[in-house]
Protein backbone atom coordinates (compact mmCIF):
# COMPACT_ATOMS: atom_id res chain seq x y z
CA MET A 1 29.72 23.67 1.11
CA ASN A 2 28.41 20.19 1.83
CA ALA A 3 28.06 19.94 5.61
CA ARG A 4 29.76 16.55 5.63
CA ARG A 5 32.81 18.06 3.90
CA ASP A 6 33.26 21.05 6.20
CA PRO A 7 36.74 20.55 7.73
CA ASN A 8 35.70 22.72 10.69
CA ARG A 9 32.74 20.53 11.56
CA HIS A 10 33.07 18.84 14.92
CA HIS A 11 33.00 15.07 15.48
CA PRO A 12 32.50 13.65 12.00
CA THR A 13 31.13 10.13 12.19
CA THR A 14 32.39 6.96 10.55
CA VAL A 15 29.19 6.82 8.50
CA SER A 16 29.50 10.39 7.24
CA ASN A 17 33.18 9.91 6.42
CA SER A 18 32.35 6.73 4.51
CA LEU A 19 29.66 8.53 2.53
CA ASP A 20 32.12 11.33 1.80
CA ILE A 21 34.60 8.79 0.45
CA LEU A 22 32.01 7.19 -1.84
CA GLU A 23 31.02 10.61 -3.15
CA THR A 24 34.65 11.59 -3.71
CA VAL A 25 35.41 8.40 -5.64
CA ALA A 26 32.33 9.03 -7.79
CA ASN A 27 33.36 12.63 -8.46
CA LEU A 28 37.10 12.07 -9.05
CA GLY A 29 36.62 8.91 -11.07
CA LEU A 30 38.14 5.46 -11.37
CA GLY A 31 41.71 5.23 -10.13
CA VAL A 32 41.59 7.95 -7.49
CA SER A 33 44.21 7.19 -4.84
CA ALA A 34 43.88 6.97 -1.07
CA LYS A 35 46.19 9.98 -0.75
CA GLU A 36 43.97 12.06 -3.05
CA ILE A 37 40.84 11.02 -1.16
CA ALA A 38 42.38 11.87 2.22
CA ALA A 39 43.53 15.25 0.95
CA ALA A 40 40.17 16.09 -0.60
CA LEU A 41 38.30 15.28 2.60
CA HIS A 42 40.89 16.58 5.10
CA LEU A 43 41.07 13.12 6.65
CA PRO A 44 44.09 11.66 8.44
CA PRO A 45 45.67 9.12 6.05
CA ALA A 46 45.24 6.31 8.60
CA THR A 47 41.50 7.04 8.85
CA ALA A 48 41.12 7.16 5.08
CA TYR A 49 42.94 3.83 4.63
CA ARG A 50 40.85 2.16 7.34
CA LEU A 51 37.57 3.30 5.82
CA LEU A 52 38.67 2.48 2.28
CA ASN A 53 39.61 -1.05 3.28
CA ALA A 54 36.23 -1.49 4.99
CA LEU A 55 34.35 -0.22 1.92
CA VAL A 56 36.35 -2.57 -0.33
CA ALA A 57 35.65 -5.50 1.98
CA GLU A 58 31.92 -4.76 1.76
CA GLU A 59 32.15 -4.37 -2.07
CA TYR A 60 31.04 -0.73 -2.10
CA LEU A 61 34.45 0.06 -3.61
CA VAL A 62 36.93 -1.96 -5.65
CA ARG A 63 40.67 -1.59 -6.10
CA THR A 64 42.05 -0.95 -9.57
CA ALA A 65 44.14 -3.67 -11.20
CA ASP A 66 47.41 -1.98 -10.18
CA LEU A 67 46.15 -1.70 -6.56
CA ARG A 68 46.97 2.02 -6.55
CA GLY A 69 43.47 3.41 -6.85
CA PHE A 70 39.78 2.83 -6.24
CA GLY A 71 36.49 2.70 -8.11
CA LEU A 72 32.82 2.17 -7.29
CA GLY A 73 31.94 -1.42 -6.42
CA ALA A 74 29.20 -3.88 -7.32
CA ARG A 75 27.04 -3.22 -4.26
CA LEU A 76 26.93 0.49 -4.96
CA HIS A 77 26.06 -0.14 -8.59
CA GLY A 78 23.29 -2.43 -7.34
CA LEU A 79 21.86 0.36 -5.20
CA ILE A 80 21.98 2.76 -8.12
CA THR A 81 20.25 0.23 -10.36
CA THR A 82 17.53 -0.34 -7.77
CA ALA A 83 16.93 3.37 -7.29
CA SER A 84 16.60 3.90 -11.04
CA ALA A 85 14.42 0.87 -11.76
CA PRO A 86 12.11 1.41 -14.75
CA THR A 87 8.66 2.92 -14.30
CA LEU A 88 5.92 0.94 -15.99
CA CYS A 89 4.23 2.56 -18.95
CA THR A 90 0.46 2.91 -19.15
CA ALA A 91 0.17 0.03 -21.61
CA ALA A 92 1.98 -2.34 -19.23
CA LEU A 93 -0.18 -1.27 -16.29
CA ARG A 94 -3.36 -1.80 -18.29
CA TYR A 95 -2.16 -5.20 -19.43
CA LEU A 96 -1.45 -6.21 -15.84
CA ASP A 97 -4.93 -5.06 -14.84
CA GLY A 98 -6.30 -7.46 -17.44
CA VAL A 99 -4.22 -10.36 -16.14
CA ARG A 100 -5.37 -9.68 -12.58
CA ALA A 101 -9.01 -9.61 -13.68
CA GLU A 102 -8.51 -13.02 -15.26
CA VAL A 103 -7.43 -14.84 -12.09
CA ARG A 104 -8.50 -14.82 -8.45
CA PHE A 105 -5.00 -14.78 -7.06
CA ALA A 106 -2.38 -12.12 -6.43
CA VAL A 107 -0.40 -11.20 -9.55
CA HIS A 108 2.91 -9.41 -9.01
CA LEU A 109 5.59 -8.19 -11.39
CA MET A 110 9.25 -8.50 -10.35
CA SER A 111 12.47 -7.14 -11.80
CA PHE A 112 15.91 -8.60 -11.19
CA GLN A 113 18.72 -6.48 -9.76
CA THR A 114 22.38 -7.43 -9.33
CA VAL A 115 21.86 -9.79 -6.39
CA SER A 116 18.23 -9.27 -5.42
CA VAL A 117 14.64 -9.25 -6.61
CA ARG A 118 12.62 -6.03 -6.68
CA VAL A 119 8.84 -5.70 -6.65
CA LEU A 120 8.20 -3.67 -9.78
CA ASP A 121 4.42 -3.69 -9.54
CA ALA A 122 2.40 -5.27 -6.72
CA ASP A 123 -1.19 -6.38 -7.05
CA PRO A 124 -3.22 -3.50 -5.54
CA ASP A 125 -5.86 -5.90 -4.21
CA HIS A 126 -3.42 -8.43 -2.75
CA PRO A 127 -0.38 -6.90 -0.98
CA VAL A 128 2.89 -8.78 -1.38
CA ARG A 129 3.27 -11.12 1.58
CA ALA A 130 6.69 -11.54 3.16
CA GLU A 131 8.13 -8.88 0.82
CA ARG A 132 11.23 -8.26 2.92
CA GLU A 133 12.08 -11.96 2.92
CA LEU A 134 11.21 -12.31 -0.76
CA VAL A 135 13.61 -9.67 -2.04
CA ARG A 136 16.49 -10.79 0.17
CA ASN A 137 16.28 -14.59 0.08
CA LEU A 138 16.61 -15.75 -3.51
CA HIS A 139 16.75 -19.41 -2.48
CA ALA A 140 13.29 -19.35 -0.89
CA SER A 141 11.13 -17.51 -3.44
CA ALA A 142 9.83 -18.53 -6.85
CA ALA A 143 11.06 -15.31 -8.47
CA GLY A 144 14.43 -15.65 -6.75
CA ARG A 145 14.86 -19.18 -8.07
CA LEU A 146 14.13 -17.97 -11.59
CA MET A 147 16.84 -15.37 -11.14
CA LEU A 148 19.29 -17.98 -9.86
CA ALA A 149 18.41 -20.31 -12.73
CA SER A 150 19.30 -17.60 -15.25
CA HIS A 151 22.94 -17.61 -14.06
CA SER A 152 25.33 -20.47 -14.77
CA SER A 153 27.23 -19.66 -11.55
CA TRP A 154 24.13 -19.02 -9.47
CA GLN A 155 25.88 -19.83 -6.19
CA LYS A 156 27.79 -16.54 -6.50
CA LEU A 157 24.53 -14.64 -6.08
CA LEU A 158 23.95 -16.16 -2.66
CA PRO A 159 25.44 -14.82 0.58
CA ALA A 160 28.63 -16.37 1.90
CA THR A 161 26.84 -17.16 5.15
CA PRO A 162 24.52 -20.19 5.50
CA LEU A 163 21.15 -19.80 3.80
CA ARG A 164 18.32 -18.67 6.08
CA ARG A 165 15.67 -21.19 7.04
CA LEU A 166 12.56 -19.01 6.98
CA THR A 167 10.15 -21.89 7.67
CA PRO A 168 10.59 -25.59 8.43
CA ARG A 169 10.20 -26.29 4.69
CA THR A 170 12.78 -23.80 3.40
CA ILE A 171 15.49 -25.53 1.38
CA VAL A 172 18.87 -24.47 2.76
CA SER A 173 21.05 -27.28 1.42
CA LEU A 174 23.04 -26.19 -1.65
CA ALA A 175 22.88 -29.74 -3.01
CA GLU A 176 19.08 -29.79 -2.79
CA LEU A 177 18.84 -26.26 -4.14
CA ASP A 178 21.02 -27.25 -7.09
CA GLU A 179 18.44 -29.88 -8.05
CA VAL A 180 15.63 -27.34 -7.71
CA ILE A 181 17.46 -24.78 -9.85
CA ALA A 182 18.12 -27.40 -12.53
CA THR A 183 14.39 -28.18 -12.65
CA VAL A 184 13.50 -24.48 -12.82
CA ARG A 185 15.96 -23.97 -15.66
CA ARG A 186 14.59 -26.96 -17.55
CA ASN A 187 10.91 -26.05 -17.11
CA GLU A 188 11.29 -22.25 -17.17
CA PHE A 189 8.89 -22.22 -14.25
CA ALA A 190 9.40 -21.93 -10.49
CA LEU A 191 7.21 -22.84 -7.56
CA GLN A 192 7.61 -22.50 -3.81
CA CYS A 193 5.21 -23.74 -1.16
CA ASP A 194 5.53 -22.82 2.52
CA GLU A 195 9.22 -21.94 2.11
CA LEU A 196 8.97 -18.17 2.27
CA GLU A 197 6.07 -18.06 4.72
CA ASP A 198 3.82 -20.76 6.14
CA GLY A 199 0.62 -21.05 4.12
CA LEU A 200 1.96 -19.11 1.12
CA ALA A 201 2.61 -20.55 -2.34
CA CYS A 202 3.89 -18.73 -5.40
CA ALA A 203 4.54 -19.65 -9.02
CA ALA A 204 6.68 -17.58 -11.39
CA VAL A 205 7.67 -17.50 -15.05
CA PRO A 206 10.51 -15.49 -16.60
CA ILE A 207 10.17 -12.21 -18.46
CA ARG A 208 12.97 -11.61 -20.96
CA ASN A 209 14.44 -8.39 -22.27
CA ALA A 210 15.21 -7.59 -25.90
CA ASP A 211 18.48 -9.53 -25.69
CA GLY A 212 16.69 -12.65 -24.52
CA ASP A 213 18.05 -12.45 -20.97
CA THR A 214 15.79 -13.10 -17.99
CA ALA A 215 15.21 -9.64 -16.51
CA GLY A 216 12.19 -10.23 -14.32
CA ALA A 217 9.32 -12.50 -13.42
CA LEU A 218 5.54 -12.62 -13.57
CA CYS A 219 4.31 -14.18 -10.34
CA ILE A 220 1.03 -15.52 -9.06
CA ALA A 221 0.57 -16.15 -5.35
CA GLY A 222 -2.06 -17.73 -3.15
CA PRO A 223 -2.63 -20.15 -0.28
CA THR A 224 -0.60 -23.33 -0.29
CA ALA A 225 -3.81 -25.37 -0.41
CA ARG A 226 -4.39 -23.96 -3.92
CA ALA A 227 -0.87 -24.57 -5.21
CA ASP A 228 -2.16 -27.03 -7.81
CA VAL A 229 -4.28 -24.26 -9.32
CA LEU A 230 -1.26 -21.94 -9.45
CA VAL A 231 0.64 -24.62 -11.38
CA ALA A 232 -2.29 -25.01 -13.77
CA TYR A 233 -1.94 -21.32 -14.66
CA SER A 234 1.67 -21.79 -15.85
CA ASP A 235 0.95 -21.77 -19.59
CA MET A 236 -1.29 -18.74 -19.25
CA LEU A 237 1.42 -16.94 -17.28
CA ARG A 238 4.02 -17.68 -19.97
CA THR A 239 1.76 -16.19 -22.64
CA HIS A 240 1.20 -13.04 -20.60
CA ALA A 241 4.91 -12.76 -19.76
CA ASP A 242 5.82 -12.84 -23.46
CA LYS A 243 3.31 -10.08 -24.21
CA LEU A 244 4.41 -7.96 -21.25
CA ALA A 245 8.13 -8.18 -22.01
CA PRO A 246 8.32 -5.53 -24.79
CA LEU A 247 6.21 -3.17 -22.68
CA ILE A 248 8.65 -3.36 -19.74
CA PHE A 249 12.21 -4.03 -20.92
């Protein structure tokens, strides 16, 4: 028996009970009721309702249309998608090696998840700088702005809280960001300078899947003082992105 499910176990925690609920919804399927979940986990109904409401509020679960049952939510699907992100084939890795040999800057490959960017392949000679900020702050990174530009309602991908100002140059105004996103969409190219981290610049071009949707980005990063050189590589990056696309997606 799963240790978390043992009704004789002492002092179950809120975290373990929440994980049990997610697992039960996954196992019993869409529409499982609060009563069924409480019974399956030997939880007091009041505890089950409290935890279910919290999981719905955080979008790990959703209510069914009739409000009588539950299903897995968008945030959980996002975690599953991230955990099962594609592994690059040998041909794609070799192609990336060739791109990196062609330039003297960091070349990184990104994939787009539900509401975040994931580093699919980092340049082995140039570690990704500010990676934690990059994947979580779409408004401040070149790859993140490409992802936003690929959605007509891009504001929905941003947190409900005010945007984080990571450096003095980070754009946090939605009105200003709207202008930036419009430019990115028009040029199919994104650039950030000193917005993710002081002294860091990055340019990115989209990589599309077989349906023509933007599914990732090919990025080149370097010091802000060389940002003009990064921009000059834009056409080359687009060519490489088009050739990489069928090897990745």
